[in-house]
Amino acid sequence: MKKLLQVLFIVVFLFVAGCDAETSKENEVKEFVTEYKTKQHTIEDPSNMPTGLEIIERIKPYLSEEEYEKLLVNRGLDYIPKVATNISASVEVQDVELTKTEDNEDGTTDYDFVLELKFYNEDFSEVVTKEGQLTIQEENGYKVTRDWEKPTQFEQDAISKKTKQ
């Protein structure tokens, strides 16, 4: 009986230790993604709007080489600055929720995320919920290998506002 209790204690201890390691990794990934998304979306001064290329350079340390090259070719980060310009607003990340969806055979991990972005100026403040997906590799630190965000209705309205004027 005493031997059984010792074995049971060891199994429970290893389970708890494994859970702590997984929770620690999840916290590291969330911190990484929060930093990345904050660098990507923060616009402090709408009168001095960063270009898509400036944003790409700001987030370069978070990206795999392939993702960085893809963004350069596609000029993929002009969207939020266009929205902010059209409504003369600053932008800040309020919150990031991250959900692990799949461990891939190539060693990368897929995540779904939900961002809360605050668009604001002296006349208004709007918190917008934005969904997306990320793939992250963990090789000498974390790197984003894929990043996709679903445009929100708020952003689409802000973009079309400018084209209608």
N, C-alpha and C. Protein backbone atom coordinates (compact mmCIF):
# COMPACT_ATOMS: atom_id res chain seq x y z
N MET A 1 0.83 -1.20 0.00
CA MET A 1 0.00 0.00 0.00
C MET A 1 0.87 1.26 0.00
N LYS A 2 1.94 1.24 0.82
CA LYS A 2 2.82 2.39 0.90
C LYS A 2 3.50 2.62 -0.46
N LYS A 3 3.88 1.54 -1.14
CA LYS A 3 4.52 1.64 -2.45
C LYS A 3 3.54 2.25 -3.47
N LEU A 4 2.28 1.84 -3.40
CA LEU A 4 1.25 2.36 -4.30
C LEU A 4 1.06 3.87 -4.09
N LEU A 5 1.05 4.32 -2.85
CA LEU A 5 0.91 5.74 -2.56
C LEU A 5 2.11 6.52 -3.08
N GLN A 6 3.31 5.97 -2.98
CA GLN A 6 4.50 6.64 -3.50
C GLN A 6 4.43 6.78 -5.02
N VAL A 7 4.02 5.71 -5.69
CA VAL A 7 3.90 5.75 -7.14
C VAL A 7 2.82 6.77 -7.55
N LEU A 8 1.70 6.74 -6.85
CA LEU A 8 0.63 7.68 -7.13
C LEU A 8 1.10 9.12 -6.93
N PHE A 9 1.83 9.38 -5.86
CA PHE A 9 2.37 10.71 -5.58
C PHE A 9 3.30 11.16 -6.71
N ILE A 10 4.16 10.27 -7.17
CA ILE A 10 5.10 10.61 -8.25
C ILE A 10 4.34 10.92 -9.54
N VAL A 11 3.32 10.13 -9.86
CA VAL A 11 2.53 10.37 -11.07
C VAL A 11 1.83 11.72 -10.99
N VAL A 12 1.23 12.01 -9.86
CA VAL A 12 0.55 13.30 -9.68
C VAL A 12 1.56 14.44 -9.77
N PHE A 13 2.71 14.30 -9.17
CA PHE A 13 3.74 15.33 -9.20
C PHE A 13 4.19 15.60 -10.63
N LEU A 14 4.46 14.54 -11.40
CA LEU A 14 4.89 14.71 -12.79
C LEU A 14 3.80 15.36 -13.63
N PHE A 15 2.55 15.00 -13.39
CA PHE A 15 1.43 15.61 -14.11
C PHE A 15 1.36 17.11 -13.83
N VAL A 16 1.45 17.46 -12.56
CA VAL A 16 1.38 18.88 -12.17
C VAL A 16 2.58 19.64 -12.74
N ALA A 17 3.76 19.06 -12.69
CA ALA A 17 4.95 19.70 -13.25
C ALA A 17 4.80 19.91 -14.75
N GLY A 18 4.25 18.92 -15.45
CA GLY A 18 4.01 19.04 -16.89
C GLY A 18 3.01 20.12 -17.20
N CYS A 19 1.95 20.22 -16.41
CA CYS A 19 0.94 21.27 -16.61
C CYS A 19 1.54 22.64 -16.40
N ASP A 20 2.39 22.79 -15.38
CA ASP A 20 3.04 24.07 -15.12
C ASP A 20 3.94 24.48 -16.28
N ALA A 21 4.67 23.51 -16.85
CA ALA A 21 5.55 23.82 -17.99
C ALA A 21 4.71 24.27 -19.19
N GLU A 22 3.59 23.59 -19.45
CA GLU A 22 2.72 23.96 -20.56
C GLU A 22 2.10 25.34 -20.34
N THR A 23 1.66 25.62 -19.11
CA THR A 23 1.09 26.93 -18.79
C THR A 23 2.14 28.02 -18.96
N SER A 24 3.36 27.74 -18.55
CA SER A 24 4.45 28.71 -18.70
C SER A 24 4.70 29.01 -20.18
N LYS A 25 4.72 27.97 -21.01
CA LYS A 25 4.93 28.18 -22.44
C LYS A 25 3.78 28.97 -23.04
N GLU A 26 2.53 28.64 -22.66
CA GLU A 26 1.38 29.39 -23.15
C GLU A 26 1.48 30.86 -22.78
N ASN A 27 1.94 31.15 -21.56
CA ASN A 27 2.11 32.54 -21.13
C ASN A 27 3.19 33.24 -21.94
N GLU A 28 4.29 32.53 -22.24
CA GLU A 28 5.36 33.10 -23.06
C GLU A 28 4.85 33.44 -24.46
N VAL A 29 4.10 32.51 -25.05
CA VAL A 29 3.57 32.74 -26.40
C VAL A 29 2.59 33.91 -26.38
N LYS A 30 1.73 33.98 -25.37
CA LYS A 30 0.78 35.10 -25.29
C LYS A 30 1.52 36.43 -25.15
N GLU A 31 2.57 36.44 -24.34
CA GLU A 31 3.36 37.67 -24.18
C GLU A 31 4.01 38.07 -25.51
N PHE A 32 4.55 37.08 -26.22
CA PHE A 32 5.17 37.32 -27.52
C PHE A 32 4.15 37.90 -28.50
N VAL A 33 2.97 37.27 -28.58
CA VAL A 33 1.94 37.72 -29.52
C VAL A 33 1.42 39.11 -29.13
N THR A 34 1.27 39.36 -27.85
CA THR A 34 0.81 40.68 -27.40
C THR A 34 1.82 41.76 -27.79
N GLU A 35 3.10 41.51 -27.58
CA GLU A 35 4.14 42.47 -28.01
C GLU A 35 4.08 42.69 -29.52
N TYR A 36 4.01 41.60 -30.25
CA TYR A 36 3.97 41.66 -31.72
C TYR A 36 2.77 42.46 -32.22
N LYS A 37 1.59 42.13 -31.73
CA LYS A 37 0.38 42.82 -32.18
C LYS A 37 0.37 44.29 -31.74
N THR A 38 0.95 44.58 -30.59
CA THR A 38 1.05 45.97 -30.13
C THR A 38 1.96 46.77 -31.05
N LYS A 39 3.10 46.19 -31.42
CA LYS A 39 4.01 46.88 -32.36
C LYS A 39 3.34 47.04 -33.73
N GLN A 40 2.56 46.06 -34.12
CA GLN A 40 1.93 46.08 -35.44
C GLN A 40 0.80 47.10 -35.51
N HIS A 41 0.02 47.26 -34.46
CA HIS A 41 -1.20 48.06 -34.56
C HIS A 41 -1.16 49.43 -33.88
N THR A 42 -0.19 49.69 -33.05
CA THR A 42 -0.19 50.96 -32.32
C THR A 42 0.11 52.13 -33.26
N ILE A 43 -0.78 53.10 -33.21
CA ILE A 43 -0.60 54.35 -33.95
C ILE A 43 -0.87 55.47 -32.93
N GLU A 44 0.18 56.14 -32.54
CA GLU A 44 0.06 57.15 -31.49
C GLU A 44 -0.43 58.49 -32.01
N ASP A 45 0.02 58.86 -33.18
CA ASP A 45 -0.29 60.20 -33.70
C ASP A 45 -0.86 60.08 -35.11
N PRO A 46 -2.17 60.25 -35.27
CA PRO A 46 -2.76 60.10 -36.59
C PRO A 46 -2.28 61.15 -37.60
N SER A 47 -1.70 62.24 -37.12
CA SER A 47 -1.17 63.24 -38.06
C SER A 47 0.22 62.86 -38.56
N ASN A 48 0.82 61.84 -37.94
CA ASN A 48 2.13 61.35 -38.35
C ASN A 48 2.04 59.83 -38.51
N MET A 49 1.25 59.41 -39.49
CA MET A 49 0.90 58.01 -39.69
C MET A 49 2.09 57.21 -40.22
N PRO A 50 2.39 56.05 -39.58
CA PRO A 50 3.44 55.20 -40.14
C PRO A 50 2.97 54.55 -41.44
N THR A 51 3.89 54.32 -42.35
CA THR A 51 3.55 53.61 -43.58
C THR A 51 3.54 52.11 -43.29
N GLY A 52 3.00 51.37 -44.23
CA GLY A 52 3.03 49.92 -44.11
C GLY A 52 4.46 49.40 -44.01
N LEU A 53 5.37 50.00 -44.78
CA LEU A 53 6.77 49.58 -44.73
C LEU A 53 7.40 49.87 -43.37
N GLU A 54 7.05 51.00 -42.77
CA GLU A 54 7.57 51.32 -41.44
C GLU A 54 7.06 50.31 -40.40
N ILE A 55 5.81 49.91 -40.54
CA ILE A 55 5.25 48.92 -39.62
C ILE A 55 5.93 47.57 -39.82
N ILE A 56 6.17 47.19 -41.06
CA ILE A 56 6.87 45.93 -41.34
C ILE A 56 8.24 45.94 -40.67
N GLU A 57 8.95 47.04 -40.76
CA GLU A 57 10.28 47.12 -40.13
C GLU A 57 10.16 47.07 -38.60
N ARG A 58 9.10 47.64 -38.06
CA ARG A 58 8.86 47.63 -36.61
C ARG A 58 8.65 46.21 -36.09
N ILE A 59 8.00 45.36 -36.90
CA ILE A 59 7.68 44.00 -36.44
C ILE A 59 8.65 42.95 -36.99
N LYS A 60 9.63 43.37 -37.75
CA LYS A 60 10.57 42.41 -38.36
C LYS A 60 11.16 41.42 -37.36
N PRO A 61 11.55 41.83 -36.14
CA PRO A 61 12.13 40.85 -35.21
C PRO A 61 11.17 39.73 -34.80
N TYR A 62 9.89 39.90 -35.02
CA TYR A 62 8.89 38.90 -34.63
C TYR A 62 8.57 37.93 -35.77
N LEU A 63 9.06 38.21 -36.96
CA LEU A 63 8.67 37.47 -38.16
C LEU A 63 9.76 36.50 -38.61
N SER A 64 9.32 35.37 -39.19
CA SER A 64 10.26 34.50 -39.88
C SER A 64 10.73 35.26 -41.12
N GLU A 65 11.85 34.87 -41.67
CA GLU A 65 12.37 35.52 -42.87
C GLU A 65 11.37 35.44 -44.02
N GLU A 66 10.70 34.29 -44.16
CA GLU A 66 9.73 34.10 -45.24
C GLU A 66 8.53 35.03 -45.07
N GLU A 67 8.03 35.16 -43.86
CA GLU A 67 6.88 36.03 -43.61
C GLU A 67 7.26 37.50 -43.83
N TYR A 68 8.46 37.87 -43.42
CA TYR A 68 8.94 39.23 -43.63
C TYR A 68 9.00 39.54 -45.14
N GLU A 69 9.58 38.64 -45.91
CA GLU A 69 9.68 38.84 -47.37
C GLU A 69 8.29 38.92 -48.00
N LYS A 70 7.38 38.07 -47.56
CA LYS A 70 6.01 38.07 -48.10
C LYS A 70 5.34 39.42 -47.84
N LEU A 71 5.49 39.95 -46.62
CA LEU A 71 4.89 41.24 -46.31
C LEU A 71 5.50 42.37 -47.14
N LEU A 72 6.81 42.31 -47.35
CA LEU A 72 7.46 43.33 -48.18
C LEU A 72 6.92 43.31 -49.61
N VAL A 73 6.79 42.13 -50.17
CA VAL A 73 6.30 42.00 -51.55
C VAL A 73 4.85 42.44 -51.66
N ASN A 74 4.03 42.02 -50.71
CA ASN A 74 2.58 42.30 -50.77
C ASN A 74 2.20 43.64 -50.15
N ARG A 75 3.16 44.30 -49.51
CA ARG A 75 2.87 45.56 -48.80
C ARG A 75 1.63 45.39 -47.92
N GLY A 76 1.66 44.33 -47.11
CA GLY A 76 0.49 43.86 -46.42
C GLY A 76 0.05 44.60 -45.18
N LEU A 77 0.71 45.65 -44.76
CA LEU A 77 0.32 46.28 -43.50
C LEU A 77 -0.12 47.73 -43.64
N ASP A 78 -0.70 48.06 -44.77
CA ASP A 78 -1.22 49.41 -44.97
C ASP A 78 -2.64 49.58 -44.46
N TYR A 79 -3.31 48.51 -44.13
CA TYR A 79 -4.74 48.54 -43.84
C TYR A 79 -5.08 49.37 -42.60
N ILE A 80 -4.47 49.05 -41.46
CA ILE A 80 -4.78 49.79 -40.22
C ILE A 80 -4.39 51.27 -40.35
N PRO A 81 -3.22 51.61 -40.91
CA PRO A 81 -2.94 53.04 -41.11
C PRO A 81 -3.98 53.74 -42.00
N LYS A 82 -4.50 53.04 -43.02
CA LYS A 82 -5.54 53.66 -43.86
C LYS A 82 -6.80 53.92 -43.05
N VAL A 83 -7.18 52.94 -42.23
CA VAL A 83 -8.36 53.12 -41.38
C VAL A 83 -8.14 54.31 -40.45
N ALA A 84 -7.01 54.32 -39.76
CA ALA A 84 -6.72 55.39 -38.80
C ALA A 84 -6.66 56.76 -39.48
N THR A 85 -6.09 56.81 -40.67
CA THR A 85 -6.02 58.07 -41.42
C THR A 85 -7.42 58.56 -41.78
N ASN A 86 -8.26 57.66 -42.26
CA ASN A 86 -9.60 58.05 -42.70
C ASN A 86 -10.47 58.58 -41.58
N ILE A 87 -10.25 58.12 -40.37
CA ILE A 87 -11.07 58.59 -39.25
C ILE A 87 -10.26 59.47 -38.28
N SER A 88 -9.03 59.82 -38.66
CA SER A 88 -8.13 60.66 -37.84
C SER A 88 -8.06 60.14 -36.40
N ALA A 89 -7.68 58.88 -36.28
CA ALA A 89 -7.68 58.25 -34.96
C ALA A 89 -6.34 57.62 -34.63
N SER A 90 -6.05 57.61 -33.35
CA SER A 90 -4.95 56.82 -32.83
C SER A 90 -5.48 55.40 -32.60
N VAL A 91 -4.55 54.43 -32.49
CA VAL A 91 -4.95 53.04 -32.29
C VAL A 91 -4.06 52.43 -31.23
N GLU A 92 -4.68 51.68 -30.32
CA GLU A 92 -3.90 50.93 -29.34
C GLU A 92 -4.54 49.56 -29.13
N VAL A 93 -3.69 48.59 -28.78
CA VAL A 93 -4.16 47.25 -28.47
C VAL A 93 -4.58 47.24 -27.01
N GLN A 94 -5.82 46.86 -26.77
CA GLN A 94 -6.34 46.78 -25.40
C GLN A 94 -6.16 45.39 -24.80
N ASP A 95 -6.36 44.34 -25.64
CA ASP A 95 -6.29 42.98 -25.13
C ASP A 95 -6.02 42.02 -26.28
N VAL A 96 -5.40 40.89 -25.94
CA VAL A 96 -5.18 39.82 -26.90
C VAL A 96 -5.60 38.52 -26.23
N GLU A 97 -6.51 37.79 -26.86
CA GLU A 97 -6.87 36.45 -26.41
C GLU A 97 -6.29 35.47 -27.43
N LEU A 98 -5.67 34.42 -26.94
CA LEU A 98 -4.97 33.48 -27.80
C LEU A 98 -5.45 32.07 -27.48
N THR A 99 -5.78 31.30 -28.52
CA THR A 99 -6.22 29.92 -28.35
C THR A 99 -5.41 29.02 -29.27
N LYS A 100 -4.70 28.09 -28.68
CA LYS A 100 -3.93 27.13 -29.46
C LYS A 100 -4.90 26.21 -30.19
N THR A 101 -4.69 26.02 -31.52
CA THR A 101 -5.61 25.18 -32.29
C THR A 101 -4.96 23.90 -32.79
N GLU A 102 -3.65 23.93 -33.09
CA GLU A 102 -3.03 22.73 -33.65
C GLU A 102 -1.51 22.79 -33.58
N ASP A 103 -0.92 21.65 -33.23
CA ASP A 103 0.53 21.46 -33.38
C ASP A 103 0.74 20.82 -34.74
N ASN A 104 1.56 21.43 -35.57
CA ASN A 104 1.78 20.95 -36.93
C ASN A 104 3.00 20.03 -37.01
N GLU A 105 3.03 19.20 -38.04
CA GLU A 105 4.13 18.25 -38.22
C GLU A 105 5.47 18.94 -38.43
N ASP A 106 5.45 20.15 -38.96
CA ASP A 106 6.71 20.86 -39.22
C ASP A 106 7.26 21.57 -37.98
N GLY A 107 6.62 21.35 -36.82
CA GLY A 107 7.10 21.95 -35.58
C GLY A 107 6.48 23.30 -35.26
N THR A 108 5.63 23.81 -36.15
CA THR A 108 4.95 25.08 -35.89
C THR A 108 3.65 24.81 -35.14
N THR A 109 3.08 25.86 -34.60
CA THR A 109 1.82 25.75 -33.87
C THR A 109 0.86 26.82 -34.38
N ASP A 110 -0.38 26.40 -34.62
CA ASP A 110 -1.42 27.33 -35.08
C ASP A 110 -2.21 27.85 -33.89
N TYR A 111 -2.60 29.12 -33.97
CA TYR A 111 -3.39 29.78 -32.94
C TYR A 111 -4.49 30.60 -33.59
N ASP A 112 -5.62 30.68 -32.92
CA ASP A 112 -6.64 31.68 -33.22
C ASP A 112 -6.44 32.80 -32.22
N PHE A 113 -6.72 34.03 -32.64
CA PHE A 113 -6.61 35.14 -31.69
C PHE A 113 -7.78 36.09 -31.86
N VAL A 114 -8.02 36.83 -30.79
CA VAL A 114 -9.00 37.91 -30.79
C VAL A 114 -8.31 39.13 -30.21
N LEU A 115 -8.30 40.19 -30.98
CA LEU A 115 -7.72 41.46 -30.53
C LEU A 115 -8.84 42.42 -30.15
N GLU A 116 -8.59 43.21 -29.15
CA GLU A 116 -9.43 44.37 -28.89
C GLU A 116 -8.59 45.59 -29.22
N LEU A 117 -8.99 46.28 -30.27
CA LEU A 117 -8.29 47.49 -30.71
C LEU A 117 -9.13 48.70 -30.36
N LYS A 118 -8.50 49.68 -29.77
CA LYS A 118 -9.19 50.93 -29.43
C LYS A 118 -8.77 51.99 -30.45
N PHE A 119 -9.75 52.48 -31.20
CA PHE A 119 -9.58 53.61 -32.11
C PHE A 119 -10.12 54.83 -31.38
N TYR A 120 -9.34 55.90 -31.33
CA TYR A 120 -9.81 57.05 -30.57
C TYR A 120 -9.17 58.35 -31.06
N ASN A 121 -9.89 59.44 -30.81
CA ASN A 121 -9.37 60.79 -30.96
C ASN A 121 -10.12 61.65 -29.95
N GLU A 122 -10.01 62.96 -30.07
CA GLU A 122 -10.66 63.82 -29.07
C GLU A 122 -12.18 63.78 -29.14
N ASP A 123 -12.74 63.30 -30.25
CA ASP A 123 -14.19 63.29 -30.42
C ASP A 123 -14.87 61.93 -30.19
N PHE A 124 -14.11 60.86 -30.25
CA PHE A 124 -14.75 59.55 -30.10
C PHE A 124 -13.74 58.50 -29.64
N SER A 125 -14.28 57.39 -29.19
CA SER A 125 -13.49 56.23 -28.81
C SER A 125 -14.31 54.99 -29.14
N GLU A 126 -13.70 54.06 -29.85
CA GLU A 126 -14.40 52.84 -30.26
C GLU A 126 -13.47 51.65 -30.07
N VAL A 127 -13.94 50.65 -29.32
CA VAL A 127 -13.18 49.41 -29.16
C VAL A 127 -13.73 48.40 -30.15
N VAL A 128 -12.84 47.87 -30.98
CA VAL A 128 -13.22 46.97 -32.05
C VAL A 128 -12.61 45.60 -31.78
N THR A 129 -13.41 44.56 -31.89
CA THR A 129 -12.94 43.19 -31.72
C THR A 129 -12.57 42.64 -33.09
N LYS A 130 -11.35 42.14 -33.19
CA LYS A 130 -10.81 41.67 -34.47
C LYS A 130 -10.30 40.25 -34.30
N GLU A 131 -10.71 39.35 -35.19
CA GLU A 131 -10.30 37.95 -35.12
C GLU A 131 -9.23 37.66 -36.15
N GLY A 132 -8.43 36.63 -35.86
CA GLY A 132 -7.41 36.23 -36.81
C GLY A 132 -6.77 34.91 -36.43
N GLN A 133 -5.76 34.56 -37.22
CA GLN A 133 -5.02 33.32 -37.01
C GLN A 133 -3.53 33.59 -37.17
N LEU A 134 -2.75 32.85 -36.40
CA LEU A 134 -1.29 32.94 -36.46
C LEU A 134 -0.70 31.53 -36.51
N THR A 135 0.44 31.41 -37.14
CA THR A 135 1.26 30.22 -36.99
C THR A 135 2.60 30.69 -36.45
N ILE A 136 3.07 29.99 -35.42
CA ILE A 136 4.30 30.39 -34.75
C ILE A 136 5.26 29.20 -34.72
N GLN A 137 6.51 29.49 -35.04
CA GLN A 137 7.54 28.48 -34.89
C GLN A 137 8.37 28.83 -33.67
N GLU A 138 8.86 27.81 -33.01
CA GLU A 138 9.72 28.01 -31.85
C GLU A 138 11.08 27.42 -32.18
N GLU A 139 11.95 28.29 -32.66
CA GLU A 139 13.30 27.88 -33.03
C GLU A 139 14.20 29.07 -32.71
N ASN A 140 14.97 28.94 -31.65
CA ASN A 140 15.76 30.08 -31.17
C ASN A 140 14.85 31.27 -30.87
N GLY A 141 13.82 31.02 -30.13
CA GLY A 141 12.81 32.03 -29.82
C GLY A 141 11.61 31.83 -30.73
N TYR A 142 10.60 32.64 -30.54
CA TYR A 142 9.38 32.53 -31.34
C TYR A 142 9.46 33.42 -32.57
N LYS A 143 8.86 32.94 -33.65
CA LYS A 143 8.74 33.72 -34.90
C LYS A 143 7.37 33.45 -35.50
N VAL A 144 6.76 34.47 -36.05
CA VAL A 144 5.49 34.35 -36.75
C VAL A 144 5.78 33.91 -38.18
N THR A 145 5.16 32.80 -38.59
CA THR A 145 5.33 32.32 -39.97
C THR A 145 4.09 32.56 -40.82
N ARG A 146 2.97 32.87 -40.17
CA ARG A 146 1.73 33.19 -40.88
C ARG A 146 0.88 34.05 -39.96
N ASP A 147 0.28 35.10 -40.53
CA ASP A 147 -0.57 36.01 -39.77
C ASP A 147 -1.70 36.46 -40.67
N TRP A 148 -2.91 36.18 -40.25
CA TRP A 148 -4.09 36.58 -41.01
C TRP A 148 -5.09 37.23 -40.06
N GLU A 149 -5.65 38.35 -40.48
CA GLU A 149 -6.68 39.04 -39.70
C GLU A 149 -7.90 39.27 -40.56
N LYS A 150 -9.05 39.00 -39.98
CA LYS A 150 -10.32 39.23 -40.66
C LYS A 150 -10.69 40.71 -40.52
N PRO A 151 -10.92 41.40 -41.63
CA PRO A 151 -11.33 42.81 -41.53
C PRO A 151 -12.67 42.92 -40.79
N THR A 152 -12.80 43.95 -39.98
CA THR A 152 -14.04 44.18 -39.26
C THR A 152 -14.94 45.12 -40.05
N GLN A 153 -16.20 45.14 -39.70
CA GLN A 153 -17.14 46.06 -40.35
C GLN A 153 -16.74 47.51 -40.07
N PHE A 154 -16.28 47.77 -38.86
CA PHE A 154 -15.82 49.12 -38.49
C PHE A 154 -14.71 49.58 -39.45
N GLU A 155 -13.73 48.70 -39.69
CA GLU A 155 -12.62 49.04 -40.58
C GLU A 155 -13.10 49.23 -42.01
N GLN A 156 -13.97 48.34 -42.47
CA GLN A 156 -14.49 48.45 -43.83
C GLN A 156 -15.26 49.76 -44.01
N ASP A 157 -16.05 50.13 -43.01
CA ASP A 157 -16.79 51.40 -43.06
C ASP A 157 -15.83 52.58 -43.09
N ALA A 158 -14.77 52.52 -42.32
CA ALA A 158 -13.79 53.61 -42.29
C ALA A 158 -13.07 53.73 -43.63
N ILE A 159 -12.74 52.62 -44.25
CA ILE A 159 -12.09 52.64 -45.56
C ILE A 159 -13.05 53.21 -46.61
N SER A 160 -14.30 52.75 -46.61
CA SER A 160 -15.25 53.22 -47.61
C SER A 160 -15.65 54.68 -47.36
N LYS A 161 -15.55 55.14 -46.14
CA LYS A 161 -15.84 56.55 -45.81
C LYS A 161 -14.96 57.47 -46.64
N LYS A 162 -13.70 57.15 -46.74
CA LYS A 162 -12.76 57.98 -47.48
C LYS A 162 -13.05 57.92 -48.98
N THR A 163 -13.37 56.72 -49.47
CA THR A 163 -13.60 56.60 -50.91
C THR A 163 -14.90 57.28 -51.33
N LYS A 164 -15.84 57.47 -50.42
CA LYS A 164 -17.11 58.12 -50.76
C LYS A 164 -16.98 59.65 -50.76
N GLN A 165 -15.98 60.17 -50.11
CA GLN A 165 -15.85 61.63 -50.00
C GLN A 165 -15.31 62.25 -51.26
